[in-house]
Amino acid sequence: MTVTKIITVFGATGRQGGGLARAVLADRDGAFSVRAVTRHPDGEPAAELKRLGAEIVRADMDDPSSLEPAFEHAYGAFLVTNFWEHMSAEREKTQAEALARAASHAGVQHAIWSTLEDTRECVPLDDERMPTLQEHYKVPHFDGKAEADHYFLDEGVPTTFLRTTFFWENLLGAFAPQRGADGAPWLTYPMGEARLSGLAADDIGKTARAVFERGTDLIAATVSIAGEHLKVADMAAALTGALGEPVRYRPLTPDEWRAQGFPGADETGNMFQYYKDCEQHFTEARDIDAVRGLNPALQDFGTWLAAHQDRLRTTWT
C-alpha cells in the first residue's frame, strides 16, 4: 500500500480550499491525500468530500486549541481565511497567526498561504484618493492578509505565498449584473477602462496542487495568479456573445460605488479603485504564461463562461 502525504486543507468546503481538495482527490494515484478542515463536519459539503475520499476533521481558526489535531502528521497545509464572514482585518490577522503557530508546532513541511497585496504600497494611508478603513487600511481584506504574511516567516513555516485575485464566480453572486429599467443586464463596476484580473476559483486549487507537486522549489516564493486580464467592457461583450443577449457596461466612479451604502460598499469600492489605479503593477505581477506553466488547464474568461452559461442565465432571470 502506497503511503500518501497528508495535505491539511482549510476552507475545504469553500471555493479555494474546496478547489484544492477536489483537485487532489481526483488524482487517486497521486502522492497526496486530503484532510479537510471544517467547523461543520456533519454538513453536506463535508459529507461530499468524505465520499470523494477526504478525511474530515473539525477545527476553528478562532479556537487555537482546536487546530493541533488538524495539522498532526500532515506533510503540507493549504491555509485561507474568510474576511467576508466577519469583515475585520484584525480578526483575520489573529486567525492567520494561529494558523502559522499551529503549522510551525506540527512541523508542517510545506504550507501555502492564500494572500493578497498590501494596497498601501500603491495607495498610502494619507492618500485621499480613497478613504482609510478600519483606521489602518485602504482595502482591509487585502492589507490584513499581506500583514499576516510575516507570521509564517516569524514561525519558520516553509511557505509559498499564493496571491489570488477577483473570482469570476462573483458574476454568479455579489457582483452579478443587474437588470436596468430596460430589462437588460448591466455591469456597473468602478473600473473605467482599466483591466480587471480575473480567475476561475477552481484554478486556485489546481495551481496550489501544482505548487505542492513541485516540492520545495517554491518555498519562500510569491506566486501571483490570474486567468486573464480584461477590460470590463470586454467582459460585457464576451457575456453578450455567450448568453445571446446584450450585456452593457456602465463605469461608475469609485465614489459613486461607495455611495451605494450596502454592507461592504466602502471595502469593495476601494478594492475596485485599487485594481484600477494600480492596474499596471497588479497585472504585471500575474504572468498568465507562468501561471499556465504551473496549471496547464488554466481557464480564460471564455472557457469559464462556456462552462457556466446555464448558471449565469438562471442567476440573472
C-alpha atoms as a PDB file:
ATOM      1  CA  MET A   1       0.000   0.000   0.000  1.00  0.00           C
ATOM      2  CA  THR A   2       1.363   3.395  -1.025  1.00  0.00           C
ATOM      3  CA  VAL A   3       1.585   5.909   1.809  1.00  0.00           C
ATOM      4  CA  THR A   4       0.405   9.346   0.696  1.00  0.00           C
ATOM      5  CA  LYS A   5       1.398  12.684   2.124  1.00  0.00           C
ATOM      6  CA  ILE A   6      -1.401  14.395   4.030  1.00  0.00           C
ATOM      7  CA  ILE A   7      -2.386  17.907   2.936  1.00  0.00           C
ATOM      8  CA  THR A   8      -4.443  19.673   5.587  1.00  0.00           C
ATOM      9  CA  VAL A   9      -6.896  21.898   3.728  1.00  0.00           C
ATOM     10  CA  PHE A  10      -8.574  24.810   5.476  1.00  0.00           C
ATOM     11  CA  GLY A  11     -11.597  26.258   3.732  1.00  0.00           C
ATOM     12  CA  ALA A  12     -12.196  22.795   2.304  1.00  0.00           C
ATOM     13  CA  THR A  13     -15.934  23.386   1.937  1.00  0.00           C
ATOM     14  CA  GLY A  14     -15.380  26.791   0.309  1.00  0.00           C
ATOM     15  CA  ARG A  15     -14.169  27.895  -3.099  1.00  0.00           C
ATOM     16  CA  GLN A  16     -10.418  27.966  -2.599  1.00  0.00           C
ATOM     17  CA  GLY A  17      -9.831  25.030  -0.290  1.00  0.00           C
ATOM     18  CA  GLY A  18     -12.609  23.089  -1.976  1.00  0.00           C
ATOM     19  CA  GLY A  19     -10.910  23.522  -5.337  1.00  0.00           C
ATOM     20  CA  LEU A  20      -7.663  22.111  -3.957  1.00  0.00           C
ATOM     21  CA  ALA A  21      -9.427  19.244  -2.189  1.00  0.00           C
ATOM     22  CA  ARG A  22     -11.220  18.216  -5.389  1.00  0.00           C
ATOM     23  CA  ALA A  23      -8.055  18.570  -7.476  1.00  0.00           C
ATOM     24  CA  VAL A  24      -6.094  16.287  -5.135  1.00  0.00           C
ATOM     25  CA  LEU A  25      -8.914  13.773  -4.674  1.00  0.00           C
ATOM     26  CA  ALA A  26      -9.399  13.499  -8.438  1.00  0.00           C
ATOM     27  CA  ASP A  27      -5.888  12.074  -8.735  1.00  0.00           C
ATOM     28  CA  ARG A  28      -6.366   8.761  -6.970  1.00  0.00           C
ATOM     29  CA  ASP A  29      -2.844   7.623  -7.799  1.00  0.00           C
ATOM     30  CA  GLY A  30      -1.241  10.886  -6.691  1.00  0.00           C
ATOM     31  CA  ALA A  31       1.220  11.488  -3.905  1.00  0.00           C
ATOM     32  CA  PHE A  32      -1.208  13.351  -1.641  1.00  0.00           C
ATOM     33  CA  SER A  33      -4.298  12.749   0.431  1.00  0.00           C
ATOM     34  CA  VAL A  34      -6.717  15.352   1.805  1.00  0.00           C
ATOM     35  CA  ARG A  35      -7.529  16.172   5.387  1.00  0.00           C
ATOM     36  CA  ALA A  36     -10.474  18.557   5.011  1.00  0.00           C
ATOM     37  CA  VAL A  37     -10.898  21.021   7.863  1.00  0.00           C
ATOM     38  CA  THR A  38     -14.341  22.402   8.619  1.00  0.00           C
ATOM     39  CA  ARG A  39     -16.334  23.802  11.517  1.00  0.00           C
ATOM     40  CA  HIS A  40     -19.292  21.743  10.319  1.00  0.00           C
ATOM     41  CA  PRO A  41     -18.153  18.140   9.827  1.00  0.00           C
ATOM     42  CA  ASP A  42     -21.746  16.883   9.715  1.00  0.00           C
ATOM     43  CA  GLY A  43     -22.776  19.193   6.881  1.00  0.00           C
ATOM     44  CA  GLU A  44     -23.445  18.099   3.313  1.00  0.00           C
ATOM     45  CA  PRO A  45     -20.323  19.778   1.826  1.00  0.00           C
ATOM     46  CA  ALA A  46     -18.144  17.812   4.260  1.00  0.00           C
ATOM     47  CA  ALA A  47     -20.085  14.634   3.550  1.00  0.00           C
ATOM     48  CA  GLU A  48     -19.463  15.071  -0.177  1.00  0.00           C
ATOM     49  CA  LEU A  49     -15.709  15.449   0.391  1.00  0.00           C
ATOM     50  CA  LYS A  50     -15.765  12.343   2.553  1.00  0.00           C
ATOM     51  CA  ARG A  51     -17.485  10.424  -0.262  1.00  0.00           C
ATOM     52  CA  LEU A  52     -14.686  11.555  -2.576  1.00  0.00           C
ATOM     53  CA  GLY A  53     -12.100  10.163  -0.171  1.00  0.00           C
ATOM     54  CA  ALA A  54     -11.154  13.009   2.160  1.00  0.00           C
ATOM     55  CA  GLU A  55     -10.549  12.690   5.878  1.00  0.00           C
ATOM     56  CA  ILE A  56     -12.801  15.144   7.708  1.00  0.00           C
ATOM     57  CA  VAL A  57     -11.700  16.945  10.880  1.00  0.00           C
ATOM     58  CA  ARG A  58     -13.316  19.703  12.861  1.00  0.00           C
ATOM     59  CA  ALA A  59     -11.333  22.826  13.734  1.00  0.00           C
ATOM     60  CA  ASP A  60     -11.998  26.532  14.150  1.00  0.00           C
ATOM     61  CA  MET A  61      -9.428  29.251  13.471  1.00  0.00           C
ATOM     62  CA  ASP A  62     -10.960  31.299  16.276  1.00  0.00           C
ATOM     63  CA  ASP A  63     -10.180  28.455  18.695  1.00  0.00           C
ATOM     64  CA  PRO A  64      -6.403  27.848  18.515  1.00  0.00           C
ATOM     65  CA  SER A  65      -6.637  24.792  20.776  1.00  0.00           C
ATOM     66  CA  SER A  66      -8.696  23.034  18.086  1.00  0.00           C
ATOM     67  CA  LEU A  67      -6.023  23.424  15.410  1.00  0.00           C
ATOM     68  CA  GLU A  68      -3.397  20.976  16.654  1.00  0.00           C
ATOM     69  CA  PRO A  69      -5.236  17.776  15.592  1.00  0.00           C
ATOM     70  CA  ALA A  70      -5.825  19.240  12.135  1.00  0.00           C
ATOM     71  CA  PHE A  71      -2.076  19.502  11.500  1.00  0.00           C
ATOM     72  CA  GLU A  72      -0.953  16.285  13.199  1.00  0.00           C
ATOM     73  CA  HIS A  73       1.308  14.220  10.891  1.00  0.00           C
ATOM     74  CA  ALA A  74       0.479  16.474   7.930  1.00  0.00           C
ATOM     75  CA  TYR A  75       3.121  17.000   5.267  1.00  0.00           C
ATOM     76  CA  GLY A  76       1.522  20.163   3.922  1.00  0.00           C
ATOM     77  CA  ALA A  77      -1.260  22.639   4.547  1.00  0.00           C
ATOM     78  CA  PHE A  78      -3.389  24.999   2.498  1.00  0.00           C
ATOM     79  CA  LEU A  79      -4.308  27.986   4.645  1.00  0.00           C
ATOM     80  CA  VAL A  80      -7.025  30.507   3.829  1.00  0.00           C
ATOM     81  CA  THR A  81      -9.132  32.898   5.905  1.00  0.00           C
ATOM     82  CA  ASN A  82     -12.552  34.349   5.089  1.00  0.00           C
ATOM     83  CA  PHE A  83     -12.672  38.110   5.628  1.00  0.00           C
ATOM     84  CA  TRP A  84     -16.223  38.349   4.291  1.00  0.00           C
ATOM     85  CA  GLU A  85     -17.592  36.250   7.142  1.00  0.00           C
ATOM     86  CA  HIS A  86     -16.837  38.990   9.688  1.00  0.00           C
ATOM     87  CA  MET A  87     -15.238  41.848   7.678  1.00  0.00           C
ATOM     88  CA  SER A  88     -12.498  42.505  10.248  1.00  0.00           C
ATOM     89  CA  ALA A  89      -8.854  42.705   9.160  1.00  0.00           C
ATOM     90  CA  GLU A  90      -7.738  42.404  12.784  1.00  0.00           C
ATOM     91  CA  ARG A  91      -9.678  39.180  13.293  1.00  0.00           C
ATOM     92  CA  GLU A  92      -8.310  37.816  10.029  1.00  0.00           C
ATOM     93  CA  LYS A  93      -4.763  38.553  11.174  1.00  0.00           C
ATOM     94  CA  THR A  94      -5.403  36.829  14.507  1.00  0.00           C
ATOM     95  CA  GLN A  95      -6.669  33.757  12.665  1.00  0.00           C
ATOM     96  CA  ALA A  96      -3.602  33.739  10.402  1.00  0.00           C
ATOM     97  CA  GLU A  97      -1.293  33.990  13.384  1.00  0.00           C
ATOM     98  CA  ALA A  98      -2.997  30.995  14.996  1.00  0.00           C
ATOM     99  CA  LEU A  99      -2.628  29.014  11.771  1.00  0.00           C
ATOM    100  CA  ALA A 100       1.059  29.881  11.453  1.00  0.00           C
ATOM    101  CA  ARG A 101       1.794  28.926  15.050  1.00  0.00           C
ATOM    102  CA  ALA A 102      -0.067  25.606  14.791  1.00  0.00           C
ATOM    103  CA  ALA A 103       1.624  24.722  11.486  1.00  0.00           C
ATOM    104  CA  SER A 104       5.014  25.510  12.991  1.00  0.00           C
ATOM    105  CA  HIS A 105       4.414  23.430  16.106  1.00  0.00           C
ATOM    106  CA  ALA A 106       3.312  20.473  13.972  1.00  0.00           C
ATOM    107  CA  GLY A 107       6.390  20.659  11.770  1.00  0.00           C
ATOM    108  CA  VAL A 108       4.480  21.134   8.519  1.00  0.00           C
ATOM    109  CA  GLN A 109       6.998  20.837   5.680  1.00  0.00           C
ATOM    110  CA  HIS A 110       5.178  22.980   3.112  1.00  0.00           C
ATOM    111  CA  ALA A 111       2.348  25.468   3.642  1.00  0.00           C
ATOM    112  CA  ILE A 112       0.526  27.524   1.044  1.00  0.00           C
ATOM    113  CA  TRP A 113      -0.891  30.755   2.466  1.00  0.00           C
ATOM    114  CA  SER A 114      -3.606  32.344   0.317  1.00  0.00           C
ATOM    115  CA  THR A 115      -2.816  36.019   0.492  1.00  0.00           C
ATOM    116  CA  LEU A 116      -3.011  39.332  -1.384  1.00  0.00           C
ATOM    117  CA  GLU A 117      -1.027  42.504  -1.972  1.00  0.00           C
ATOM    118  CA  ASP A 118      -0.638  45.322   0.546  1.00  0.00           C
ATOM    119  CA  THR A 119      -2.566  48.055  -1.260  1.00  0.00           C
ATOM    120  CA  ARG A 120      -0.918  50.755   0.853  1.00  0.00           C
ATOM    121  CA  GLU A 121       2.277  50.295  -1.144  1.00  0.00           C
ATOM    122  CA  CYS A 122       0.398  51.831  -4.084  1.00  0.00           C
ATOM    123  CA  VAL A 123      -2.142  53.990  -2.219  1.00  0.00           C
ATOM    124  CA  PRO A 124      -0.626  55.185   1.082  1.00  0.00           C
ATOM    125  CA  LEU A 125      -2.853  55.798   4.081  1.00  0.00           C
ATOM    126  CA  ASP A 126      -2.556  59.574   3.673  1.00  0.00           C
ATOM    127  CA  ASP A 127      -3.605  59.377   0.009  1.00  0.00           C
ATOM    128  CA  GLU A 128      -7.046  60.957  -0.212  1.00  0.00           C
ATOM    129  CA  ARG A 129      -7.973  59.186  -3.438  1.00  0.00           C
ATOM    130  CA  MET A 130      -9.797  56.632  -1.315  1.00  0.00           C
ATOM    131  CA  PRO A 131     -10.951  56.594   2.310  1.00  0.00           C
ATOM    132  CA  THR A 132      -8.982  54.838   5.026  1.00  0.00           C
ATOM    133  CA  LEU A 133     -10.994  51.966   6.525  1.00  0.00           C
ATOM    134  CA  GLN A 134     -10.847  50.295   9.937  1.00  0.00           C
ATOM    135  CA  GLU A 135      -8.334  53.034  10.906  1.00  0.00           C
ATOM    136  CA  HIS A 136      -5.293  51.317   9.399  1.00  0.00           C
ATOM    137  CA  TYR A 137      -6.151  50.032   5.924  1.00  0.00           C
ATOM    138  CA  LYS A 138      -7.136  51.051   2.428  1.00  0.00           C
ATOM    139  CA  VAL A 139      -8.528  47.642   1.386  1.00  0.00           C
ATOM    140  CA  PRO A 140      -8.721  45.665   4.641  1.00  0.00           C
ATOM    141  CA  HIS A 141      -9.222  42.231   3.087  1.00  0.00           C
ATOM    142  CA  PHE A 142      -6.041  42.767   1.061  1.00  0.00           C
ATOM    143  CA  ASP A 143      -3.928  44.593   3.625  1.00  0.00           C
ATOM    144  CA  GLY A 144      -4.731  42.325   6.568  1.00  0.00           C
ATOM    145  CA  LYS A 145      -3.651  39.238   4.640  1.00  0.00           C
ATOM    146  CA  ALA A 146      -0.486  40.988   3.460  1.00  0.00           C
ATOM    147  CA  GLU A 147       0.391  41.980   7.031  1.00  0.00           C
ATOM    148  CA  ALA A 148      -0.187  38.388   8.125  1.00  0.00           C
ATOM    149  CA  ASP A 149       2.489  37.076   5.751  1.00  0.00           C
ATOM    150  CA  HIS A 150       5.164  37.742   8.356  1.00  0.00           C
ATOM    151  CA  TYR A 151       3.588  35.342  10.865  1.00  0.00           C
ATOM    152  CA  PHE A 152       4.610  32.421   8.672  1.00  0.00           C
ATOM    153  CA  LEU A 153       8.121  33.780   8.291  1.00  0.00           C
ATOM    154  CA  ASP A 154       8.448  34.501  12.006  1.00  0.00           C
ATOM    155  CA  GLU A 155       7.269  30.999  12.907  1.00  0.00           C
ATOM    156  CA  GLY A 156       9.678  29.401  10.436  1.00  0.00           C
ATOM    157  CA  VAL A 157       6.940  27.718   8.416  1.00  0.00           C
ATOM    158  CA  PRO A 158       8.176  26.716   4.915  1.00  0.00           C
ATOM    159  CA  THR A 159       5.606  28.717   2.993  1.00  0.00           C
ATOM    160  CA  THR A 160       4.574  29.573  -0.556  1.00  0.00           C
ATOM    161  CA  PHE A 161       2.639  32.843  -0.688  1.00  0.00           C
ATOM    162  CA  LEU A 162      -0.187  32.410  -3.211  1.00  0.00           C
ATOM    163  CA  ARG A 163      -1.707  35.726  -4.283  1.00  0.00           C
ATOM    164  CA  THR A 164      -5.131  35.407  -5.863  1.00  0.00           C
ATOM    165  CA  THR A 165      -7.476  37.931  -7.490  1.00  0.00           C
ATOM    166  CA  PHE A 166     -11.125  38.620  -8.438  1.00  0.00           C
ATOM    167  CA  PHE A 167     -13.139  35.395  -8.860  1.00  0.00           C
ATOM    168  CA  TRP A 168     -15.307  35.190 -11.980  1.00  0.00           C
ATOM    169  CA  GLU A 169     -17.756  33.285  -9.775  1.00  0.00           C
ATOM    170  CA  ASN A 170     -18.609  36.709  -8.350  1.00  0.00           C
ATOM    171  CA  LEU A 171     -20.683  37.146 -11.521  1.00  0.00           C
ATOM    172  CA  LEU A 172     -22.974  34.479 -10.065  1.00  0.00           C
ATOM    173  CA  GLY A 173     -23.400  36.301  -6.772  1.00  0.00           C
ATOM    174  CA  ALA A 174     -22.266  39.532  -5.174  1.00  0.00           C
ATOM    175  CA  PHE A 175     -21.145  41.195  -8.412  1.00  0.00           C
ATOM    176  CA  ALA A 176     -23.705  39.792 -10.823  1.00  0.00           C
ATOM    177  CA  PRO A 177     -25.010  42.158 -13.499  1.00  0.00           C
ATOM    178  CA  GLN A 178     -28.170  43.991 -12.525  1.00  0.00           C
ATOM    179  CA  ARG A 179     -31.066  44.413 -14.908  1.00  0.00           C
ATOM    180  CA  GLY A 180     -31.913  48.029 -15.611  1.00  0.00           C
ATOM    181  CA  ALA A 181     -35.265  49.653 -16.358  1.00  0.00           C
ATOM    182  CA  ASP A 182     -34.918  48.444 -19.955  1.00  0.00           C
ATOM    183  CA  GLY A 183     -34.646  44.852 -18.751  1.00  0.00           C
ATOM    184  CA  ALA A 184     -31.079  44.482 -19.997  1.00  0.00           C
ATOM    185  CA  PRO A 185     -28.280  43.320 -17.681  1.00  0.00           C
ATOM    186  CA  TRP A 186     -25.661  45.933 -16.800  1.00  0.00           C
ATOM    187  CA  LEU A 187     -22.179  45.589 -15.337  1.00  0.00           C
ATOM    188  CA  THR A 188     -21.657  48.699 -13.211  1.00  0.00           C
ATOM    189  CA  TYR A 189     -18.145  48.270 -11.851  1.00  0.00           C
ATOM    190  CA  PRO A 190     -15.999  51.325 -10.989  1.00  0.00           C
ATOM    191  CA  MET A 191     -13.147  50.238 -13.249  1.00  0.00           C
ATOM    192  CA  GLY A 192     -13.195  52.778 -16.066  1.00  0.00           C
ATOM    193  CA  GLU A 193     -11.047  51.496 -18.948  1.00  0.00           C
ATOM    194  CA  ALA A 194      -8.649  49.575 -16.697  1.00  0.00           C
ATOM    195  CA  ARG A 195      -8.239  45.815 -16.967  1.00  0.00           C
ATOM    196  CA  LEU A 196      -9.575  43.573 -14.219  1.00  0.00           C
ATOM    197  CA  SER A 197      -7.508  40.495 -13.407  1.00  0.00           C
ATOM    198  CA  GLY A 198      -9.887  37.584 -13.055  1.00  0.00           C
ATOM    199  CA  LEU A 199      -9.686  33.923 -12.172  1.00  0.00           C
ATOM    200  CA  ALA A 200     -11.825  30.797 -12.016  1.00  0.00           C
ATOM    201  CA  ALA A 201     -11.921  29.731  -8.367  1.00  0.00           C
ATOM    202  CA  ASP A 202     -11.146  26.110  -9.254  1.00  0.00           C
ATOM    203  CA  ASP A 203      -7.847  27.234 -10.769  1.00  0.00           C
ATOM    204  CA  ILE A 204      -6.653  28.323  -7.335  1.00  0.00           C
ATOM    205  CA  GLY A 205      -6.906  24.730  -6.181  1.00  0.00           C
ATOM    206  CA  LYS A 206      -5.327  23.303  -9.327  1.00  0.00           C
ATOM    207  CA  THR A 207      -2.433  25.749  -9.103  1.00  0.00           C
ATOM    208  CA  ALA A 208      -1.988  25.028  -5.403  1.00  0.00           C
ATOM    209  CA  ARG A 209      -1.795  21.305  -6.138  1.00  0.00           C
ATOM    210  CA  ALA A 210       0.912  22.022  -8.719  1.00  0.00           C
ATOM    211  CA  VAL A 211       2.837  24.054  -6.139  1.00  0.00           C
ATOM    212  CA  PHE A 212       2.774  21.107  -3.729  1.00  0.00           C
ATOM    213  CA  GLU A 213       3.841  18.776  -6.535  1.00  0.00           C
ATOM    214  CA  ARG A 214       6.900  20.955  -7.184  1.00  0.00           C
ATOM    215  CA  GLY A 215       8.185  20.001  -3.724  1.00  0.00           C
ATOM    216  CA  THR A 216      10.493  22.593  -2.196  1.00  0.00           C
ATOM    217  CA  ASP A 217      11.012  24.596  -5.401  1.00  0.00           C
ATOM    218  CA  LEU A 218       8.506  27.317  -4.493  1.00  0.00           C
ATOM    219  CA  ILE A 219       9.022  27.548  -0.742  1.00  0.00           C
ATOM    220  CA  ALA A 220       9.511  31.223   0.207  1.00  0.00           C
ATOM    221  CA  ALA A 221       8.263  32.248  -3.251  1.00  0.00           C
ATOM    222  CA  THR A 222       5.324  34.522  -4.003  1.00  0.00           C
ATOM    223  CA  VAL A 223       3.130  33.071  -6.748  1.00  0.00           C
ATOM    224  CA  SER A 224       0.621  35.613  -8.112  1.00  0.00           C
ATOM    225  CA  ILE A 225      -2.126  34.141 -10.250  1.00  0.00           C
ATOM    226  CA  ALA A 226      -4.873  35.149 -12.687  1.00  0.00           C
ATOM    227  CA  GLY A 227      -6.599  33.560 -15.658  1.00  0.00           C
ATOM    228  CA  GLU A 228      -6.904  36.667 -17.824  1.00  0.00           C
ATOM    229  CA  HIS A 229      -6.669  40.473 -17.646  1.00  0.00           C
ATOM    230  CA  LEU A 230      -9.748  42.037 -19.264  1.00  0.00           C
ATOM    231  CA  LYS A 231     -11.410  45.420 -19.515  1.00  0.00           C
ATOM    232  CA  VAL A 232     -14.921  45.209 -18.065  1.00  0.00           C
ATOM    233  CA  ALA A 233     -16.320  46.364 -21.420  1.00  0.00           C
ATOM    234  CA  ASP A 234     -14.678  43.315 -22.990  1.00  0.00           C
ATOM    235  CA  MET A 235     -16.140  41.110 -20.264  1.00  0.00           C
ATOM    236  CA  ALA A 236     -19.575  42.515 -21.104  1.00  0.00           C
ATOM    237  CA  ALA A 237     -19.002  41.774 -24.811  1.00  0.00           C
ATOM    238  CA  ALA A 238     -17.972  38.203 -24.001  1.00  0.00           C
ATOM    239  CA  LEU A 239     -21.067  37.780 -21.840  1.00  0.00           C
ATOM    240  CA  THR A 240     -23.204  39.113 -24.677  1.00  0.00           C
ATOM    241  CA  GLY A 241     -21.769  36.540 -27.059  1.00  0.00           C
ATOM    242  CA  ALA A 242     -22.103  33.672 -24.627  1.00  0.00           C
ATOM    243  CA  LEU A 243     -25.647  34.432 -23.466  1.00  0.00           C
ATOM    244  CA  GLY A 244     -27.164  35.780 -26.651  1.00  0.00           C
ATOM    245  CA  GLU A 245     -28.483  38.994 -25.110  1.00  0.00           C
ATOM    246  CA  PRO A 246     -26.815  42.398 -24.798  1.00  0.00           C
ATOM    247  CA  VAL A 247     -24.848  42.945 -21.578  1.00  0.00           C
ATOM    248  CA  ARG A 248     -23.836  46.571 -21.158  1.00  0.00           C
ATOM    249  CA  TYR A 249     -21.096  48.200 -19.094  1.00  0.00           C
ATOM    250  CA  ARG A 250     -21.663  51.389 -17.135  1.00  0.00           C
ATOM    251  CA  PRO A 251     -18.464  52.515 -15.396  1.00  0.00           C
ATOM    252  CA  LEU A 252     -19.279  54.134 -12.071  1.00  0.00           C
ATOM    253  CA  THR A 253     -16.751  56.285 -10.276  1.00  0.00           C
ATOM    254  CA  PRO A 254     -15.376  54.776  -7.060  1.00  0.00           C
ATOM    255  CA  ASP A 255     -17.218  57.460  -5.079  1.00  0.00           C
ATOM    256  CA  GLU A 256     -20.495  56.546  -6.796  1.00  0.00           C
ATOM    257  CA  TRP A 257     -19.920  52.892  -5.915  1.00  0.00           C
ATOM    258  CA  ARG A 258     -19.134  53.639  -2.271  1.00  0.00           C
ATOM    259  CA  ALA A 259     -22.167  55.929  -2.034  1.00  0.00           C
ATOM    260  CA  GLN A 260     -24.490  52.975  -2.687  1.00  0.00           C
ATOM    261  CA  GLY A 261     -24.171  52.250   1.014  1.00  0.00           C
ATOM    262  CA  PHE A 262     -24.716  48.497   1.027  1.00  0.00           C
ATOM    263  CA  PRO A 263     -22.686  46.443   3.545  1.00  0.00           C
ATOM    264  CA  GLY A 264     -19.157  46.357   2.202  1.00  0.00           C
ATOM    265  CA  ALA A 265     -19.649  49.207  -0.294  1.00  0.00           C
ATOM    266  CA  ASP A 266     -16.612  51.103   1.030  1.00  0.00           C
ATOM    267  CA  GLU A 267     -14.483  47.944   1.089  1.00  0.00           C
ATOM    268  CA  THR A 268     -15.374  46.824  -2.429  1.00  0.00           C
ATOM    269  CA  GLY A 269     -15.264  50.373  -3.791  1.00  0.00           C
ATOM    270  CA  ASN A 270     -11.710  50.699  -2.523  1.00  0.00           C
ATOM    271  CA  MET A 271     -10.896  47.267  -3.940  1.00  0.00           C
ATOM    272  CA  PHE A 272     -12.047  48.168  -7.432  1.00  0.00           C
ATOM    273  CA  GLN A 273     -10.292  51.528  -7.210  1.00  0.00           C
ATOM    274  CA  TYR A 274      -7.082  49.740  -6.274  1.00  0.00           C
ATOM    275  CA  TYR A 275      -7.485  47.387  -9.246  1.00  0.00           C
ATOM    276  CA  LYS A 276      -7.984  50.436 -11.473  1.00  0.00           C
ATOM    277  CA  ASP A 277      -5.424  52.896 -10.103  1.00  0.00           C
ATOM    278  CA  CYS A 278      -2.728  50.242  -9.629  1.00  0.00           C
ATOM    279  CA  GLU A 279      -3.578  48.242 -12.753  1.00  0.00           C
ATOM    280  CA  GLN A 280      -0.081  48.042 -14.207  1.00  0.00           C
ATOM    281  CA  HIS A 281       1.572  46.826 -11.010  1.00  0.00           C
ATOM    282  CA  PHE A 282      -1.186  44.314 -10.287  1.00  0.00           C
ATOM    283  CA  THR A 283      -1.437  42.800 -13.755  1.00  0.00           C
ATOM    284  CA  GLU A 284       2.320  42.665 -14.363  1.00  0.00           C
ATOM    285  CA  ALA A 285       2.698  40.613 -11.169  1.00  0.00           C
ATOM    286  CA  ARG A 286       0.393  37.997 -12.744  1.00  0.00           C
ATOM    287  CA  ASP A 287       2.145  36.482 -15.751  1.00  0.00           C
ATOM    288  CA  ILE A 288      -0.535  34.329 -17.384  1.00  0.00           C
ATOM    289  CA  ASP A 289       2.001  32.175 -19.232  1.00  0.00           C
ATOM    290  CA  ALA A 290       3.847  31.477 -15.987  1.00  0.00           C
ATOM    291  CA  VAL A 291       0.606  30.531 -14.231  1.00  0.00           C
ATOM    292  CA  ARG A 292      -0.276  28.221 -17.123  1.00  0.00           C
ATOM    293  CA  GLY A 293       3.136  26.645 -16.731  1.00  0.00           C
ATOM    294  CA  LEU A 294       2.030  25.510 -13.287  1.00  0.00           C
ATOM    295  CA  ASN A 295      -1.560  24.792 -14.260  1.00  0.00           C
ATOM    296  CA  PRO A 296      -1.904  23.837 -17.948  1.00  0.00           C
ATOM    297  CA  ALA A 297      -5.695  23.638 -17.537  1.00  0.00           C
ATOM    298  CA  LEU A 298      -5.866  27.341 -16.552  1.00  0.00           C
ATOM    299  CA  GLN A 299      -9.162  28.811 -17.760  1.00  0.00           C
ATOM    300  CA  ASP A 300      -9.506  32.109 -19.568  1.00  0.00           C
ATOM    301  CA  PHE A 301     -12.757  34.051 -19.286  1.00  0.00           C
ATOM    302  CA  GLY A 302     -14.270  32.500 -22.403  1.00  0.00           C
ATOM    303  CA  THR A 303     -13.618  28.973 -21.145  1.00  0.00           C
ATOM    304  CA  TRP A 304     -15.141  29.797 -17.785  1.00  0.00           C
ATOM    305  CA  LEU A 305     -18.189  31.362 -19.467  1.00  0.00           C
ATOM    306  CA  ALA A 306     -18.786  28.295 -21.623  1.00  0.00           C
ATOM    307  CA  ALA A 307     -18.898  26.117 -18.507  1.00  0.00           C
ATOM    308  CA  HIS A 308     -21.257  28.443 -16.631  1.00  0.00           C
ATOM    309  CA  GLN A 309     -23.758  29.647 -19.247  1.00  0.00           C
ATOM    310  CA  ASP A 310     -26.736  27.883 -17.703  1.00  0.00           C
ATOM    311  CA  ARG A 311     -25.967  29.112 -14.192  1.00  0.00           C
ATOM    312  CA  LEU A 312     -25.488  32.648 -15.453  1.00  0.00           C
ATOM    313  CA  ARG A 313     -28.858  32.617 -17.207  1.00  0.00           C
ATOM    314  CA  THR A 314     -30.549  31.268 -14.079  1.00  0.00           C
ATOM    315  CA  THR A 315     -28.847  33.840 -11.849  1.00  0.00           C
ATOM    316  CA  TRP A 316     -29.896  36.792 -13.978  1.00  0.00           C
ATOM    317  CA  THR A 317     -33.518  35.859 -14.661  1.00  0.00           C
END
